[in-house]
PDB file of N, CA and C in Angstrom:
ATOM      1  N   MET A   1       0.731  -0.879  -0.211  1.00  0.00           N
ATOM      2  CA  MET A   1      -0.147  -0.357  -0.388  1.00  0.00           C
ATOM      3  C   MET A   1       0.456   1.308   0.102  1.00  0.00           C
ATOM      4  N   ILE A   2       2.068   1.180   1.225  1.00  0.00           N
ATOM      5  CA  ILE A   2       2.526   2.611   0.787  1.00  0.00           C
ATOM      6  C   ILE A   2       3.514   2.682  -0.349  1.00  0.00           C
ATOM      7  N   THR A   3       4.197   1.198  -1.019  1.00  0.00           N
ATOM      8  CA  THR A   3       4.394   1.629  -2.273  1.00  0.00           C
ATOM      9  C   THR A   3       3.563   2.047  -3.141  1.00  0.00           C
ATOM     10  N   ALA A   4       2.570   1.916  -3.387  1.00  0.00           N
ATOM     11  CA  ALA A   4       1.384   2.391  -4.142  1.00  0.00           C
ATOM     12  C   ALA A   4       1.104   3.666  -4.121  1.00  0.00           C
ATOM     13  N   LEU A   5       1.542   3.914  -2.999  1.00  0.00           N
ATOM     14  CA  LEU A   5       0.936   5.403  -2.925  1.00  0.00           C
ATOM     15  C   LEU A   5       2.014   6.369  -3.058  1.00  0.00           C
ATOM     16  N   LEU A   6       3.700   6.204  -2.855  1.00  0.00           N
ATOM     17  CA  LEU A   6       5.416   6.796  -3.107  1.00  0.00           C
ATOM     18  C   LEU A   6       4.528   6.631  -4.666  1.00  0.00           C
ATOM     19  N   THR A   7       4.443   5.590  -4.979  1.00  0.00           N
ATOM     20  CA  THR A   7       4.080   5.622  -6.891  1.00  0.00           C
ATOM     21  C   THR A   7       2.927   6.749  -7.403  1.00  0.00           C
ATOM     22  N   ASP A   8       2.275   6.357  -6.582  1.00  0.00           N
ATOM     23  CA  ASP A   8       1.520   7.377  -6.991  1.00  0.00           C
ATOM     24  C   ASP A   8       1.019   9.233  -6.685  1.00  0.00           C
ATOM     25  N   SER A   9       1.924   8.922  -5.832  1.00  0.00           N
ATOM     26  CA  SER A   9       2.023  10.690  -6.109  1.00  0.00           C
ATOM     27  C   SER A   9       3.693  11.038  -6.433  1.00  0.00           C
ATOM     28  N   ALA A  10       4.446  10.507  -7.346  1.00  0.00           N
ATOM     29  CA  ALA A  10       5.903  11.038  -7.265  1.00  0.00           C
ATOM     30  C   ALA A  10       6.079  12.468  -8.120  1.00  0.00           C
ATOM     31  N   GLY A  11       6.285  13.521  -7.698  1.00  0.00           N
ATOM     32  CA  GLY A  11       6.784  14.989  -9.059  1.00  0.00           C
ATOM     33  C   GLY A  11       6.000  15.415  -7.720  1.00  0.00           C
ATOM     34  N   LEU A  12       5.292  15.329  -6.758  1.00  0.00           N
ATOM     35  CA  LEU A  12       4.262  15.782  -6.293  1.00  0.00           C
ATOM     36  C   LEU A  12       4.706  16.067  -4.532  1.00  0.00           C
ATOM     37  N   SER A  13       4.601  17.394  -4.228  1.00  0.00           N
ATOM     38  CA  SER A  13       5.489  17.923  -2.867  1.00  0.00           C
ATOM     39  C   SER A  13       3.815  17.848  -1.298  1.00  0.00           C
ATOM     40  N   PHE A  14       4.945  16.879  -0.373  1.00  0.00           N
ATOM     41  CA  PHE A  14       3.921  16.747   0.716  1.00  0.00           C
ATOM     42  C   PHE A  14       4.139  18.048   1.607  1.00  0.00           C
ATOM     43  N   SER A  15       2.631  18.410   2.160  1.00  0.00           N
ATOM     44  CA  SER A  15       3.275  20.265   2.922  1.00  0.00           C
ATOM     45  C   SER A  15       2.130  19.948   3.902  1.00  0.00           C
ATOM     46  N   VAL A  16       2.133  20.139   5.242  1.00  0.00           N
ATOM     47  CA  VAL A  16       1.455  20.376   6.544  1.00  0.00           C
ATOM     48  C   VAL A  16       0.642  21.986   6.213  1.00  0.00           C
ATOM     49  N   THR A  17      -0.703  22.170   6.149  1.00  0.00           N
ATOM     50  CA  THR A  17      -1.434  23.189   5.915  1.00  0.00           C
ATOM     51  C   THR A  17      -1.758  23.633   6.952  1.00  0.00           C
ATOM     52  N   VAL A  18      -1.807  22.944   8.547  1.00  0.00           N
ATOM     53  CA  VAL A  18      -2.515  23.760   9.343  1.00  0.00           C
ATOM     54  C   VAL A  18      -1.825  23.432  10.597  1.00  0.00           C
ATOM     55  N   GLU A  19      -1.358  23.756  11.779  1.00  0.00           N
ATOM     56  CA  GLU A  19      -0.428  23.524  12.688  1.00  0.00           C
ATOM     57  C   GLU A  19      -0.797  22.315  13.293  1.00  0.00           C
ATOM     58  N   PRO A  20       0.156  21.286  13.304  1.00  0.00           N
ATOM     59  CA  PRO A  20      -0.601  20.410  13.994  1.00  0.00           C
ATOM     60  C   PRO A  20      -1.398  20.582  15.403  1.00  0.00           C
ATOM     61  N   ALA A  21      -2.209  19.736  15.722  1.00  0.00           N
ATOM     62  CA  ALA A  21      -3.030  19.536  17.090  1.00  0.00           C
ATOM     63  C   ALA A  21      -2.790  18.304  17.876  1.00  0.00           C
ATOM     64  N   VAL A  22      -2.639  18.170  19.403  1.00  0.00           N
ATOM     65  CA  VAL A  22      -2.066  17.050  19.562  1.00  0.00           C
ATOM     66  C   VAL A  22      -4.057  17.071  21.272  1.00  0.00           C
ATOM     67  N   LEU A  23      -4.521  16.449  21.446  1.00  0.00           N
ATOM     68  CA  LEU A  23      -5.294  16.220  22.737  1.00  0.00           C
ATOM     69  C   LEU A  23      -5.253  15.270  22.920  1.00  0.00           C
ATOM     70  N   GLY A  24      -4.701  15.047  24.259  1.00  0.00           N
ATOM     71  CA  GLY A  24      -4.274  13.706  24.977  1.00  0.00           C
ATOM     72  C   GLY A  24      -3.510  13.009  24.267  1.00  0.00           C
ATOM     73  N   ASP A  25      -3.945  11.628  23.183  1.00  0.00           N
ATOM     74  CA  ASP A  25      -3.160  10.747  23.137  1.00  0.00           C
ATOM     75  C   ASP A  25      -3.364  10.375  21.748  1.00  0.00           C
ATOM     76  N   VAL A  26      -4.297  11.259  21.241  1.00  0.00           N
ATOM     77  CA  VAL A  26      -4.190  11.574  19.871  1.00  0.00           C
ATOM     78  C   VAL A  26      -4.497  12.710  18.835  1.00  0.00           C
ATOM     79  N   ALA A  27      -3.705  12.672  17.862  1.00  0.00           N
ATOM     80  CA  ALA A  27      -2.339  13.626  17.206  1.00  0.00           C
ATOM     81  C   ALA A  27      -3.388  14.105  15.386  1.00  0.00           C
ATOM     82  N   ARG A  28      -3.642  15.322  15.125  1.00  0.00           N
ATOM     83  CA  ARG A  28      -4.365  15.668  14.148  1.00  0.00           C
ATOM     84  C   ARG A  28      -3.281  16.533  13.378  1.00  0.00           C
ATOM     85  N   ILE A  29      -3.490  15.916  12.534  1.00  0.00           N
ATOM     86  CA  ILE A  29      -2.441  16.569  10.888  1.00  0.00           C
ATOM     87  C   ILE A  29      -3.075  16.812   9.629  1.00  0.00           C
ATOM     88  N   SER A  30      -3.017  18.933   9.029  1.00  0.00           N
ATOM     89  CA  SER A  30      -3.646  18.331   7.959  1.00  0.00           C
ATOM     90  C   SER A  30      -2.969  19.025   6.894  1.00  0.00           C
ATOM     91  N   TRP A  31      -3.397  18.350   5.881  1.00  0.00           N
ATOM     92  CA  TRP A  31      -1.920  17.931   5.134  1.00  0.00           C
ATOM     93  C   TRP A  31      -2.386  18.428   3.318  1.00  0.00           C
ATOM     94  N   ALA A  32      -1.626  18.526   2.253  1.00  0.00           N
ATOM     95  CA  ALA A  32      -1.744  18.640   0.684  1.00  0.00           C
ATOM     96  C   ALA A  32      -0.523  18.210   0.206  1.00  0.00           C
ATOM     97  N   LEU A  33      -0.992  17.516  -0.955  1.00  0.00           N
ATOM     98  CA  LEU A  33       0.031  17.468  -1.867  1.00  0.00           C
ATOM     99  C   LEU A  33       0.079  18.181  -3.249  1.00  0.00           C
ATOM    100  N   SER A  34       0.816  18.465  -3.971  1.00  0.00           N
ATOM    101  CA  SER A  34       0.543  19.842  -5.155  1.00  0.00           C
ATOM    102  C   SER A  34       2.118  19.428  -5.762  1.00  0.00           C
ATOM    103  N   PRO A  35       1.641  19.405  -7.244  1.00  0.00           N
ATOM    104  CA  PRO A  35       2.659  19.511  -8.438  1.00  0.00           C
ATOM    105  C   PRO A  35       3.601  20.860  -7.855  1.00  0.00           C
ATOM    106  N   PRO A  36       4.554  21.129  -8.339  1.00  0.00           N
ATOM    107  CA  PRO A  36       5.873  21.910  -8.210  1.00  0.00           C
ATOM    108  C   PRO A  36       4.881  23.381  -8.777  1.00  0.00           C
ATOM    109  N   ASP A  37       4.559  23.827  -7.495  1.00  0.00           N
ATOM    110  CA  ASP A  37       3.884  25.532  -8.457  1.00  0.00           C
ATOM    111  C   ASP A  37       2.441  25.529  -8.718  1.00  0.00           C
ATOM    112  N   ALA A  38       2.197  24.704  -8.028  1.00  0.00           N
ATOM    113  CA  ALA A  38       0.027  24.543  -9.119  1.00  0.00           C
ATOM    114  C   ALA A  38      -0.384  24.321  -7.710  1.00  0.00           C
ATOM    115  N   PRO A  39      -1.283  24.366  -7.111  1.00  0.00           N
ATOM    116  CA  PRO A  39      -2.502  24.613  -6.738  1.00  0.00           C
ATOM    117  C   PRO A  39      -2.636  22.661  -6.333  1.00  0.00           C
ATOM    118  N   ALA A  40      -3.195  22.141  -4.676  1.00  0.00           N
ATOM    119  CA  ALA A  40      -2.489  21.037  -4.396  1.00  0.00           C
ATOM    120  C   ALA A  40      -3.996  19.680  -5.053  1.00  0.00           C
ATOM    121  N   VAL A  41      -3.784  19.060  -5.206  1.00  0.00           N
ATOM    122  CA  VAL A  41      -4.604  18.155  -6.182  1.00  0.00           C
ATOM    123  C   VAL A  41      -5.034  16.846  -5.487  1.00  0.00           C
ATOM    124  N   VAL A  42      -4.903  17.239  -3.912  1.00  0.00           N
ATOM    125  CA  VAL A  42      -4.983  16.639  -2.972  1.00  0.00           C
ATOM    126  C   VAL A  42      -5.357  16.891  -1.516  1.00  0.00           C
ATOM    127  N   THR A  43      -6.041  16.909  -1.058  1.00  0.00           N
ATOM    128  CA  THR A  43      -5.751  17.652   0.916  1.00  0.00           C
ATOM    129  C   THR A  43      -6.590  16.700   1.381  1.00  0.00           C
ATOM    130  N   GLY A  44      -5.938  16.280   2.852  1.00  0.00           N
ATOM    131  CA  GLY A  44      -6.824  15.865   3.875  1.00  0.00           C
ATOM    132  C   GLY A  44      -6.273  16.079   4.869  1.00  0.00           C
ATOM    133  N   GLN A  45      -6.964  15.225   5.991  1.00  0.00           N
ATOM    134  CA  GLN A  45      -5.652  14.515   7.480  1.00  0.00           C
ATOM    135  C   GLN A  45      -5.926  14.092   7.883  1.00  0.00           C
ATOM    136  N   ASP A  46      -4.821  13.208   9.036  1.00  0.00           N
ATOM    137  CA  ASP A  46      -4.802  12.423   9.350  1.00  0.00           C
ATOM    138  C   ASP A  46      -4.952  12.166  11.131  1.00  0.00           C
ATOM    139  N   PHE A  47      -5.139  11.614  11.543  1.00  0.00           N
ATOM    140  CA  PHE A  47      -5.626  11.175  13.223  1.00  0.00           C
ATOM    141  C   PHE A  47      -4.553  10.226  13.487  1.00  0.00           C
ATOM    142  N   ALA A  48      -3.305  10.851  15.059  1.00  0.00           N
ATOM    143  CA  ALA A  48      -2.925   9.205  15.274  1.00  0.00           C
ATOM    144  C   ALA A  48      -2.752   9.233  16.481  1.00  0.00           C
ATOM    145  N   VAL A  49      -3.521   7.967  16.581  1.00  0.00           N
ATOM    146  CA  VAL A  49      -3.482   7.428  18.486  1.00  0.00           C
ATOM    147  C   VAL A  49      -2.273   6.962  18.391  1.00  0.00           C
ATOM    148  N   ILE A  50      -1.371   7.499  19.862  1.00  0.00           N
ATOM    149  CA  ILE A  50      -0.493   7.243  20.381  1.00  0.00           C
ATOM    150  C   ILE A  50      -0.162   6.987  21.521  1.00  0.00           C
ATOM    151  N   LYS A  51       0.071   5.695  21.716  1.00  0.00           N
ATOM    152  CA  LYS A  51       0.753   4.209  23.185  1.00  0.00           C
ATOM    153  C   LYS A  51       2.068   4.179  23.017  1.00  0.00           C
ATOM    154  N   HIS A  52       2.564   4.430  24.140  1.00  0.00           N
ATOM    155  CA  HIS A  52       3.832   4.431  24.781  1.00  0.00           C
ATOM    156  C   HIS A  52       4.378   4.715  23.857  1.00  0.00           C
ATOM    157  N   GLY A  53       4.404   6.044  23.160  1.00  0.00           N
ATOM    158  CA  GLY A  53       5.067   6.439  22.905  1.00  0.00           C
ATOM    159  C   GLY A  53       5.502   6.398  20.855  1.00  0.00           C
ATOM    160  N   THR A  54       4.668   5.301  20.921  1.00  0.00           N
ATOM    161  CA  THR A  54       4.266   5.150  18.921  1.00  0.00           C
ATOM    162  C   THR A  54       2.642   5.392  18.408  1.00  0.00           C
ATOM    163  N   ILE A  55       3.476   5.299  17.439  1.00  0.00           N
ATOM    164  CA  ILE A  55       1.548   5.267  16.606  1.00  0.00           C
ATOM    165  C   ILE A  55       0.740   3.861  16.565  1.00  0.00           C
ATOM    166  N   ALA A  56      -0.284   4.114  17.034  1.00  0.00           N
ATOM    167  CA  ALA A  56      -0.784   2.759  17.690  1.00  0.00           C
ATOM    168  C   ALA A  56      -1.824   2.101  16.573  1.00  0.00           C
ATOM    169  N   GLU A  57      -2.471   3.709  16.040  1.00  0.00           N
ATOM    170  CA  GLU A  57      -3.538   3.461  14.868  1.00  0.00           C
ATOM    171  C   GLU A  57      -3.534   4.893  14.330  1.00  0.00           C
ATOM    172  N   LEU A  58      -3.859   5.000  13.195  1.00  0.00           N
ATOM    173  CA  LEU A  58      -3.420   6.008  12.068  1.00  0.00           C
ATOM    174  C   LEU A  58      -4.635   5.932  10.697  1.00  0.00           C
ATOM    175  N   TYR A  59      -5.303   6.844  10.687  1.00  0.00           N
ATOM    176  CA  TYR A  59      -6.465   7.070  10.677  1.00  0.00           C
ATOM    177  C   TYR A  59      -6.445   8.101   9.858  1.00  0.00           C
ATOM    178  N   THR A  60      -6.531   8.187   8.000  1.00  0.00           N
ATOM    179  CA  THR A  60      -6.441   9.086   7.058  1.00  0.00           C
ATOM    180  C   THR A  60      -7.943   9.655   6.641  1.00  0.00           C
ATOM    181  N   PHE A  61      -8.311  11.030   6.124  1.00  0.00           N
ATOM    182  CA  PHE A  61      -9.216  10.760   5.648  1.00  0.00           C
ATOM    183  C   PHE A  61      -8.755  12.161   4.801  1.00  0.00           C
ATOM    184  N   ILE A  62      -9.492  11.570   3.408  1.00  0.00           N
ATOM    185  CA  ILE A  62      -9.161  12.192   2.370  1.00  0.00           C
ATOM    186  C   ILE A  62     -10.524  13.530   2.006  1.00  0.00           C
ATOM    187  N   ASP A  63      -9.905  15.023   1.603  1.00  0.00           N
ATOM    188  CA  ASP A  63     -11.201  15.305   1.301  1.00  0.00           C
ATOM    189  C   ASP A  63     -11.870  15.742  -0.326  1.00  0.00           C
ATOM    190  N   ARG A  64     -13.342  15.951  -0.251  1.00  0.00           N
ATOM    191  CA  ARG A  64     -13.858  15.475  -1.456  1.00  0.00           C
ATOM    192  C   ARG A  64     -12.910  17.205  -2.535  1.00  0.00           C
ATOM    193  N   ARG A  65     -13.112  16.372  -3.862  1.00  0.00           N
ATOM    194  CA  ARG A  65     -12.848  17.805  -4.837  1.00  0.00           C
ATOM    195  C   ARG A  65     -14.132  18.315  -5.460  1.00  0.00           C
TER     196      ARG A  65
END
């Protein structure tokens, strides 16, 4: 799955679009994938549940366009 994601996003830049937020053991990161000098082609948010200092669960939400 990771290999397919990296292959499909070749040439795109990943950027964090909003300051990451943490509440207890959950973190949220809003992000965008963009080609050079162009608007984002996909945006979304990742929610991570942290247990014992590592990511125990990761949920990705992709925004509709």
